[in-house]
C-alpha atoms as a PDB file:
ATOM      1  CA  UNK A   1      86.133 104.096 108.045  1.00  0.00           C
ATOM      2  CA  UNK A   2      88.380 106.890 108.974  1.00  0.00           C
ATOM      3  CA  UNK A   3      86.021 107.817 111.891  1.00  0.00           C
ATOM      4  CA  UNK A   4      85.871 104.479 113.169  1.00  0.00           C
ATOM      5  CA  UNK A   5      89.699 104.223 113.289  1.00  0.00           C
ATOM      6  CA  UNK A   6      89.783 107.477 115.049  1.00  0.00           C
ATOM      7  CA  UNK A   7      87.297 106.478 117.514  1.00  0.00           C
ATOM      8  CA  UNK A   8      89.201 103.270 118.231  1.00  0.00           C
ATOM      9  CA  UNK A   9      92.437 105.102 118.652  1.00  0.00           C
ATOM     10  CA  UNK A  10      90.971 107.494 120.991  1.00  0.00           C
ATOM     11  CA  UNK A  11      89.401 104.794 122.985  1.00  0.00           C
ATOM     12  CA  UNK A  12      92.498 103.023 123.299  1.00  0.00           C
ATOM     13  CA  UNK A  13      94.436 106.021 124.234  1.00  0.00           C
ATOM     14  CA  UNK A  14      91.991 106.950 126.866  1.00  0.00           C
ATOM     15  CA  UNK A  15      91.875 103.407 128.172  1.00  0.00           C
ATOM     16  CA  UNK A  16      95.806 103.445 128.507  1.00  0.00           C
ATOM     17  CA  UNK A  17      95.790 107.063 130.316  1.00  0.00           C
ATOM     18  CA  UNK A  18      92.810 106.328 132.368  1.00  0.00           C
ATOM     19  CA  UNK A  19      93.533 102.652 133.350  1.00  0.00           C
ATOM     20  CA  UNK A  20      94.190 101.932 136.802  1.00  0.00           C
ATOM     21  CA  UNK A  21      95.376  98.332 135.772  1.00  0.00           C
ATOM     22  CA  UNK A  22      99.086  99.166 136.563  1.00  0.00           C
ATOM     23  CA  UNK A  23     102.329  98.844 134.716  1.00  0.00           C
ATOM     24  CA  UNK A  24     101.809  95.291 133.746  1.00  0.00           C
ATOM     25  CA  UNK A  25      98.584  95.943 131.665  1.00  0.00           C
ATOM     26  CA  UNK A  26     100.492  99.037 130.203  1.00  0.00           C
ATOM     27  CA  UNK A  27     103.279  96.752 129.082  1.00  0.00           C
ATOM     28  CA  UNK A  28     100.881  94.299 127.792  1.00  0.00           C
ATOM     29  CA  UNK A  29      99.167  96.873 125.716  1.00  0.00           C
ATOM     30  CA  UNK A  30     102.518  98.336 124.454  1.00  0.00           C
ATOM     31  CA  UNK A  31     103.729  94.763 123.424  1.00  0.00           C
ATOM     32  CA  UNK A  32     100.506  94.253 121.409  1.00  0.00           C
ATOM     33  CA  UNK A  33     100.764  97.709 119.927  1.00  0.00           C
ATOM     34  CA  UNK A  34     104.292  96.937 118.706  1.00  0.00           C
ATOM     35  CA  UNK A  35     103.112  93.564 117.254  1.00  0.00           C
ATOM     36  CA  UNK A  36     100.348  95.228 115.224  1.00  0.00           C
ATOM     37  CA  UNK A  37     102.751  97.939 114.094  1.00  0.00           C
ATOM     38  CA  UNK A  38     105.176  95.207 112.826  1.00  0.00           C
ATOM     39  CA  UNK A  39     102.481  93.216 111.049  1.00  0.00           C
ATOM     40  CA  UNK A  40     103.116  93.083 107.323  1.00  0.00           C
ATOM     41  CA  UNK A  41      99.498  93.761 106.448  1.00  0.00           C
ATOM     42  CA  UNK A  42      99.540  97.086 108.603  1.00  0.00           C
ATOM     43  CA  UNK A  43     102.762  98.074 107.133  1.00  0.00           C
ATOM     44  CA  UNK A  44     101.537  97.814 103.689  1.00  0.00           C
ATOM     45  CA  UNK A  45      98.328  99.651 104.503  1.00  0.00           C
ATOM     46  CA  UNK A  46     100.382 102.308 105.932  1.00  0.00           C
ATOM     47  CA  UNK A  47     102.594 102.426 102.849  1.00  0.00           C
ATOM     48  CA  UNK A  48      99.599 102.618 100.493  1.00  0.00           C
ATOM     49  CA  UNK A  49      98.187 105.378 102.646  1.00  0.00           C
ATOM     50  CA  UNK A  50     101.305 107.423 102.534  1.00  0.00           C
ATOM     51  CA  UNK A  51     101.715 106.831  98.865  1.00  0.00           C
ATOM     52  CA  UNK A  52      97.952 107.890  98.168  1.00  0.00           C
ATOM     53  CA  UNK A  53      98.612 110.921 100.429  1.00  0.00           C
ATOM     54  CA  UNK A  54     101.838 111.922  98.430  1.00  0.00           C
ATOM     55  CA  UNK A  55      99.946 111.597  95.151  1.00  0.00           C
ATOM     56  CA  UNK A  56      96.928 113.661  96.281  1.00  0.00           C
ATOM     57  CA  UNK A  57      99.331 116.262  97.555  1.00  0.00           C
ATOM     58  CA  UNK A  58     101.234 116.401  94.323  1.00  0.00           C
ATOM     59  CA  UNK A  59      98.006 116.569  92.181  1.00  0.00           C
ATOM     60  CA  UNK A  60      96.872 119.381  94.565  1.00  0.00           C
ATOM     61  CA  UNK A  61      99.997 121.261  94.230  1.00  0.00           C
ATOM     62  CA  UNK A  62      99.920 120.998  90.660  1.00  0.00           C
ATOM     63  CA  UNK A  63      96.243 122.172  90.368  1.00  0.00           C
ATOM     64  CA  UNK A  64      96.970 125.165  92.544  1.00  0.00           C
ATOM     65  CA  UNK A  65      99.984 125.995  90.614  1.00  0.00           C
ATOM     66  CA  UNK A  66      98.078 125.983  87.159  1.00  0.00           C
ATOM     67  CA  UNK A  67      95.111 127.611  88.332  1.00  0.00           C
ATOM     68  CA  UNK A  68      96.594 130.415  90.697  1.00  0.00           C
ATOM     69  CA  UNK A  69     100.252 130.266  89.949  1.00  0.00           C
ATOM     70  CA  UNK A  70     100.266 133.802  88.414  1.00  0.00           C
ATOM     71  CA  UNK A  71      98.332 135.236  91.303  1.00  0.00           C
ATOM     72  CA  UNK A  72     100.401 133.719  94.200  1.00  0.00           C
ATOM     73  CA  UNK A  73     103.144 135.649  96.053  1.00  0.00           C
ATOM     74  CA  UNK A  74     106.639 135.123  94.771  1.00  0.00           C
ATOM     75  CA  UNK A  75     107.499 133.569  98.076  1.00  0.00           C
ATOM     76  CA  UNK A  76     104.746 130.905  97.923  1.00  0.00           C
ATOM     77  CA  UNK A  77     105.700 130.188  94.191  1.00  0.00           C
ATOM     78  CA  UNK A  78     109.289 129.562  95.169  1.00  0.00           C
ATOM     79  CA  UNK A  79     108.452 127.309  97.834  1.00  0.00           C
ATOM     80  CA  UNK A  80     106.188 125.153  95.698  1.00  0.00           C
ATOM     81  CA  UNK A  81     109.093 124.829  93.155  1.00  0.00           C
ATOM     82  CA  UNK A  82     111.679 123.990  95.730  1.00  0.00           C
ATOM     83  CA  UNK A  83     109.372 121.188  97.219  1.00  0.00           C
ATOM     84  CA  UNK A  84     108.711 119.964  93.559  1.00  0.00           C
ATOM     85  CA  UNK A  85     112.361 119.797  92.842  1.00  0.00           C
ATOM     86  CA  UNK A  86     113.085 117.882  96.215  1.00  0.00           C
ATOM     87  CA  UNK A  87     110.260 115.576  95.472  1.00  0.00           C
ATOM     88  CA  UNK A  88     111.788 114.692  92.111  1.00  0.00           C
ATOM     89  CA  UNK A  89     115.173 114.066  93.111  1.00  0.00           C
ATOM     90  CA  UNK A  90     115.126 112.332  96.526  1.00  0.00           C
ATOM     91  CA  UNK A  91     113.779 108.857  96.895  1.00  0.00           C
ATOM     92  CA  UNK A  92     112.029 107.804 100.076  1.00  0.00           C
ATOM     93  CA  UNK A  93     112.587 104.716 101.923  1.00  0.00           C
ATOM     94  CA  UNK A  94     109.052 103.379 101.846  1.00  0.00           C
ATOM     95  CA  UNK A  95     108.854 100.307  99.982  1.00  0.00           C
ATOM     96  CA  UNK A  96     108.137  96.713 100.178  1.00  0.00           C
ATOM     97  CA  UNK A  97     111.601  95.940  99.580  1.00  0.00           C
ATOM     98  CA  UNK A  98     112.554  97.289 102.891  1.00  0.00           C
ATOM     99  CA  UNK A  99     110.263  95.171 104.958  1.00  0.00           C
END
């Protein structure tokens, strides 16, 4: 699915950049892209993907810290801890209540 989405995105970008249809066609494509981006289903899918990505990154950081924490340079360990502290205190604005 990821490769299909990447292909379709590349196809759309290539069409826009290589199109000789003029400004009107560009504006039409831009309007359609905005409508798609504002679609609640697309926004929810993007939100879900972002949450999944944050969870995976958090899990990976915890795994690296537990397995290799004592062997990592001090600067890396400090950076991981500072990112973990930021993650715990700051709330993001991703949520269904903002849509």
